[in-house]
Amino acid sequence: MSYDLAVWEGVRPADDKSARRSFNGLYDRYLDSEVKEPPSERITAFVAALLDRWCDITEDEGETSPWSVGPLIDDRVP
């Protein structure tokens, strides 16, 4: 089993429909385009906390990393 993890930074959407619309807009803007911006400080800190708990797949000698891509910080958007 696998899944994608999306982490929200910003004002909480009013409802599920608004959240989906915002998510889809961000997906189209950052993941389906060539736009490359550095991650925000909060996203960088969140990724660092994840990597403190679970090693990056690029550093995993025992193949225990839960990540399917690496370096993990490269798979984020602002």
C-alpha atoms as a PDB file:
ATOM      1  CA  MET A   1       0.000   0.000   0.000  1.00  0.00           C
ATOM      2  CA  SER A   2       1.152   3.524  -0.677  1.00  0.00           C
ATOM      3  CA  TYR A   3      -0.288   6.996  -0.420  1.00  0.00           C
ATOM      4  CA  ASP A   4       0.662  10.597  -0.994  1.00  0.00           C
ATOM      5  CA  LEU A   5       0.888  12.953   1.947  1.00  0.00           C
ATOM      6  CA  ALA A   6      -0.168  16.566   1.503  1.00  0.00           C
ATOM      7  CA  VAL A   7       0.567  19.051   4.283  1.00  0.00           C
ATOM      8  CA  TRP A   8      -1.313  22.324   4.388  1.00  0.00           C
ATOM      9  CA  GLU A   9       0.331  25.590   5.404  1.00  0.00           C
ATOM     10  CA  GLY A  10      -1.905  28.613   5.537  1.00  0.00           C
ATOM     11  CA  VAL A  11      -5.424  29.648   6.398  1.00  0.00           C
ATOM     12  CA  ARG A  12      -7.735  26.696   6.870  1.00  0.00           C
ATOM     13  CA  PRO A  13     -10.293  26.411   4.058  1.00  0.00           C
ATOM     14  CA  ALA A  14     -13.912  26.985   5.015  1.00  0.00           C
ATOM     15  CA  ASP A  15     -15.068  23.538   3.889  1.00  0.00           C
ATOM     16  CA  ASP A  16     -14.038  20.413   1.990  1.00  0.00           C
ATOM     17  CA  LYS A  17     -15.064  21.865  -1.364  1.00  0.00           C
ATOM     18  CA  SER A  18     -12.904  24.955  -0.834  1.00  0.00           C
ATOM     19  CA  ALA A  19     -10.001  22.792   0.325  1.00  0.00           C
ATOM     20  CA  ARG A  20     -10.233  20.591  -2.774  1.00  0.00           C
ATOM     21  CA  ARG A  21     -10.355  23.647  -5.060  1.00  0.00           C
ATOM     22  CA  SER A  22      -7.301  25.187  -3.334  1.00  0.00           C
ATOM     23  CA  PHE A  23      -5.405  21.895  -3.375  1.00  0.00           C
ATOM     24  CA  ASN A  24      -6.125  21.359  -7.074  1.00  0.00           C
ATOM     25  CA  GLY A  25      -5.012  24.907  -7.872  1.00  0.00           C
ATOM     26  CA  LEU A  26      -1.758  24.445  -5.973  1.00  0.00           C
ATOM     27  CA  TYR A  27      -1.204  21.046  -7.566  1.00  0.00           C
ATOM     28  CA  ASP A  28      -1.640  22.508 -11.035  1.00  0.00           C
ATOM     29  CA  ARG A  29       0.598  25.462 -10.223  1.00  0.00           C
ATOM     30  CA  TYR A  30       3.491  23.583  -8.651  1.00  0.00           C
ATOM     31  CA  LEU A  31       3.359  19.895  -9.517  1.00  0.00           C
ATOM     32  CA  ASP A  32       2.109  20.071 -13.091  1.00  0.00           C
ATOM     33  CA  SER A  33       4.408  22.911 -14.102  1.00  0.00           C
ATOM     34  CA  GLU A  34       8.015  23.939 -14.188  1.00  0.00           C
ATOM     35  CA  VAL A  35       7.615  26.423 -11.312  1.00  0.00           C
ATOM     36  CA  LYS A  36      10.389  25.838  -8.798  1.00  0.00           C
ATOM     37  CA  GLU A  37      10.404  27.827  -5.584  1.00  0.00           C
ATOM     38  CA  PRO A  38      12.263  27.078  -2.380  1.00  0.00           C
ATOM     39  CA  PRO A  39      10.168  25.521   0.390  1.00  0.00           C
ATOM     40  CA  SER A  40       8.912  27.758   3.165  1.00  0.00           C
ATOM     41  CA  GLU A  41      10.683  27.677   6.522  1.00  0.00           C
ATOM     42  CA  ARG A  42       7.778  25.784   8.106  1.00  0.00           C
ATOM     43  CA  ILE A  43       7.720  23.115   5.391  1.00  0.00           C
ATOM     44  CA  THR A  44      11.509  22.756   5.636  1.00  0.00           C
ATOM     45  CA  ALA A  45      11.217  22.309   9.422  1.00  0.00           C
ATOM     46  CA  PHE A  46       8.416  19.765   8.976  1.00  0.00           C
ATOM     47  CA  VAL A  47      10.472  17.721   6.508  1.00  0.00           C
ATOM     48  CA  ALA A  48      13.444  17.898   8.898  1.00  0.00           C
ATOM     49  CA  ALA A  49      11.252  16.586  11.734  1.00  0.00           C
ATOM     50  CA  LEU A  50      10.053  13.722   9.528  1.00  0.00           C
ATOM     51  CA  LEU A  51      13.643  12.860   8.657  1.00  0.00           C
ATOM     52  CA  ASP A  52      14.623  12.946  12.330  1.00  0.00           C
ATOM     53  CA  ARG A  53      12.098  10.164  12.847  1.00  0.00           C
ATOM     54  CA  TRP A  54      12.427   8.207   9.588  1.00  0.00           C
ATOM     55  CA  CYS A  55      15.583   8.309   7.507  1.00  0.00           C
ATOM     56  CA  ASP A  56      15.607   9.520   3.929  1.00  0.00           C
ATOM     57  CA  ILE A  57      15.481   6.710   1.396  1.00  0.00           C
ATOM     58  CA  THR A  58      18.744   8.014  -0.079  1.00  0.00           C
ATOM     59  CA  GLU A  59      20.437   7.319   3.284  1.00  0.00           C
ATOM     60  CA  ASP A  60      18.656   4.055   4.072  1.00  0.00           C
ATOM     61  CA  GLU A  61      21.084   1.176   4.325  1.00  0.00           C
ATOM     62  CA  GLY A  62      18.572  -1.168   5.961  1.00  0.00           C
ATOM     63  CA  GLU A  63      15.724  -0.323   3.606  1.00  0.00           C
ATOM     64  CA  THR A  64      13.441   0.712   6.445  1.00  0.00           C
ATOM     65  CA  SER A  65      12.613   4.171   5.115  1.00  0.00           C
ATOM     66  CA  PRO A  66       8.904   4.730   4.483  1.00  0.00           C
ATOM     67  CA  TRP A  67       9.632   7.214   1.678  1.00  0.00           C
ATOM     68  CA  SER A  68       9.473   6.170  -1.955  1.00  0.00           C
ATOM     69  CA  VAL A  69      11.388   9.192  -3.268  1.00  0.00           C
ATOM     70  CA  GLY A  70      14.427  11.047  -2.143  1.00  0.00           C
ATOM     71  CA  PRO A  71      15.824  13.275  -1.092  1.00  0.00           C
ATOM     72  CA  LEU A  72      12.491  13.954   0.587  1.00  0.00           C
ATOM     73  CA  ILE A  73      12.980  17.734   0.604  1.00  0.00           C
ATOM     74  CA  ASP A  74      13.074  17.642  -3.211  1.00  0.00           C
ATOM     75  CA  ASP A  75       9.489  16.365  -3.349  1.00  0.00           C
ATOM     76  CA  ARG A  76       7.913  19.357  -1.648  1.00  0.00           C
ATOM     77  CA  VAL A  77       6.403  22.557  -2.858  1.00  0.00           C
ATOM     78  CA  PRO A  78       6.286  25.924  -1.078  1.00  0.00           C
END
